[in-house]
Amino acid sequence: MTSDSEPTARWTKDKAGATLAATTGYFFAFGPALETARQLIPDYPHTTAGIVSLVVALLAYWAGLRMMRKLP
């Protein structure tokens, strides 16, 4: 009988740190994006701010994942 020696954890320190960076990036970017979108696109400011904040969150996740993988 053989056993699986690899752990099956879904949350590693890398993913947890990157998720924290993405969440922080989203909430910090939403306010300024909403104020800018209200002036530039008055018909859909919340949609535009949400999309912009989502892009910021994805970039923060990618950068956070790269940084966390370099840590010991």
C-alpha atoms as a PDB file:
ATOM      1  CA  MET A   1       0.000   0.000   0.000  1.00  0.00           C
ATOM      2  CA  THR A   2       1.445   3.354  -0.986  1.00  0.00           C
ATOM      3  CA  SER A   3       0.618   6.715   0.472  1.00  0.00           C
ATOM      4  CA  ASP A   4       0.599  10.123  -1.099  1.00  0.00           C
ATOM      5  CA  SER A   5       3.588  11.943   0.357  1.00  0.00           C
ATOM      6  CA  GLU A   6       2.634  15.321  -1.117  1.00  0.00           C
ATOM      7  CA  PRO A   7       0.381  17.497   1.068  1.00  0.00           C
ATOM      8  CA  THR A   8      -2.993  18.418  -0.376  1.00  0.00           C
ATOM      9  CA  ALA A   9      -3.277  21.877   1.151  1.00  0.00           C
ATOM     10  CA  ARG A  10      -5.019  24.395  -1.079  1.00  0.00           C
ATOM     11  CA  TRP A  11      -3.869  27.499   0.763  1.00  0.00           C
ATOM     12  CA  THR A  12      -0.145  27.948   0.737  1.00  0.00           C
ATOM     13  CA  LYS A  13       1.702  30.978   2.040  1.00  0.00           C
ATOM     14  CA  ASP A  14       2.211  32.063  -1.560  1.00  0.00           C
ATOM     15  CA  LYS A  15      -1.473  32.056  -2.456  1.00  0.00           C
ATOM     16  CA  ALA A  16      -2.521  33.571   0.858  1.00  0.00           C
ATOM     17  CA  GLY A  17      -0.079  36.467   0.483  1.00  0.00           C
ATOM     18  CA  ALA A  18      -1.073  37.064  -3.127  1.00  0.00           C
ATOM     19  CA  THR A  19      -4.768  37.038  -2.201  1.00  0.00           C
ATOM     20  CA  LEU A  20      -4.128  39.584   0.531  1.00  0.00           C
ATOM     21  CA  ALA A  21      -2.291  41.796  -1.973  1.00  0.00           C
ATOM     22  CA  ALA A  22      -5.151  41.486  -4.480  1.00  0.00           C
ATOM     23  CA  THR A  23      -7.821  42.305  -1.913  1.00  0.00           C
ATOM     24  CA  THR A  24      -5.886  45.306  -0.663  1.00  0.00           C
ATOM     25  CA  GLY A  25      -5.261  46.519  -4.205  1.00  0.00           C
ATOM     26  CA  TYR A  26      -8.950  46.249  -5.082  1.00  0.00           C
ATOM     27  CA  PHE A  27     -10.187  48.240  -2.098  1.00  0.00           C
ATOM     28  CA  PHE A  28      -7.493  50.916  -2.361  1.00  0.00           C
ATOM     29  CA  ALA A  29      -8.117  51.404  -6.090  1.00  0.00           C
ATOM     30  CA  PHE A  30     -11.930  51.453  -5.961  1.00  0.00           C
ATOM     31  CA  GLY A  31     -12.316  54.898  -4.345  1.00  0.00           C
ATOM     32  CA  PRO A  32     -10.074  56.875  -6.709  1.00  0.00           C
ATOM     33  CA  ALA A  33     -11.381  54.920  -9.695  1.00  0.00           C
ATOM     34  CA  LEU A  34     -14.970  55.713  -8.723  1.00  0.00           C
ATOM     35  CA  GLU A  35     -14.267  59.442  -8.368  1.00  0.00           C
ATOM     36  CA  THR A  36     -12.513  59.523 -11.741  1.00  0.00           C
ATOM     37  CA  ALA A  37     -15.239  57.466 -13.433  1.00  0.00           C
ATOM     38  CA  ARG A  38     -17.958  59.802 -12.121  1.00  0.00           C
ATOM     39  CA  GLN A  39     -16.306  62.651 -14.013  1.00  0.00           C
ATOM     40  CA  LEU A  40     -15.310  60.798 -17.169  1.00  0.00           C
ATOM     41  CA  ILE A  41     -18.144  58.268 -17.592  1.00  0.00           C
ATOM     42  CA  PRO A  42     -21.189  59.542 -15.682  1.00  0.00           C
ATOM     43  CA  ASP A  43     -23.533  56.821 -17.006  1.00  0.00           C
ATOM     44  CA  TYR A  44     -21.708  53.792 -15.554  1.00  0.00           C
ATOM     45  CA  PRO A  45     -19.320  54.916 -12.804  1.00  0.00           C
ATOM     46  CA  HIS A  46     -19.624  51.858 -10.533  1.00  0.00           C
ATOM     47  CA  THR A  47     -19.183  49.387 -13.382  1.00  0.00           C
ATOM     48  CA  THR A  48     -16.129  51.209 -14.677  1.00  0.00           C
ATOM     49  CA  ALA A  49     -14.609  51.531 -11.217  1.00  0.00           C
ATOM     50  CA  GLY A  50     -15.221  47.835 -10.574  1.00  0.00           C
ATOM     51  CA  ILE A  51     -13.494  46.816 -13.788  1.00  0.00           C
ATOM     52  CA  VAL A  52     -10.522  49.084 -13.141  1.00  0.00           C
ATOM     53  CA  SER A  53     -10.235  47.822  -9.566  1.00  0.00           C
ATOM     54  CA  LEU A  54     -10.427  44.233 -10.777  1.00  0.00           C
ATOM     55  CA  VAL A  55      -7.528  44.841 -13.152  1.00  0.00           C
ATOM     56  CA  VAL A  56      -5.534  46.366 -10.285  1.00  0.00           C
ATOM     57  CA  ALA A  57      -6.372  43.341  -8.124  1.00  0.00           C
ATOM     58  CA  LEU A  58      -5.215  40.916 -10.814  1.00  0.00           C
ATOM     59  CA  LEU A  59      -1.934  42.768 -11.217  1.00  0.00           C
ATOM     60  CA  ALA A  60      -1.470  42.843  -7.439  1.00  0.00           C
ATOM     61  CA  TYR A  61      -2.171  39.095  -7.237  1.00  0.00           C
ATOM     62  CA  TRP A  62       0.402  38.381  -9.938  1.00  0.00           C
ATOM     63  CA  ALA A  63       3.022  40.617  -8.312  1.00  0.00           C
ATOM     64  CA  GLY A  64       2.262  39.253  -4.841  1.00  0.00           C
ATOM     65  CA  LEU A  65       2.561  35.668  -6.040  1.00  0.00           C
ATOM     66  CA  ARG A  66       5.930  36.361  -7.623  1.00  0.00           C
ATOM     67  CA  MET A  67       7.228  38.070  -4.492  1.00  0.00           C
ATOM     68  CA  MET A  68       5.929  35.383  -2.144  1.00  0.00           C
ATOM     69  CA  ARG A  69       7.570  32.608  -4.159  1.00  0.00           C
ATOM     70  CA  LYS A  70      10.956  34.287  -3.739  1.00  0.00           C
ATOM     71  CA  LEU A  71      10.654  34.242   0.056  1.00  0.00           C
ATOM     72  CA  PRO A  72      12.019  31.251   1.965  1.00  0.00           C
END
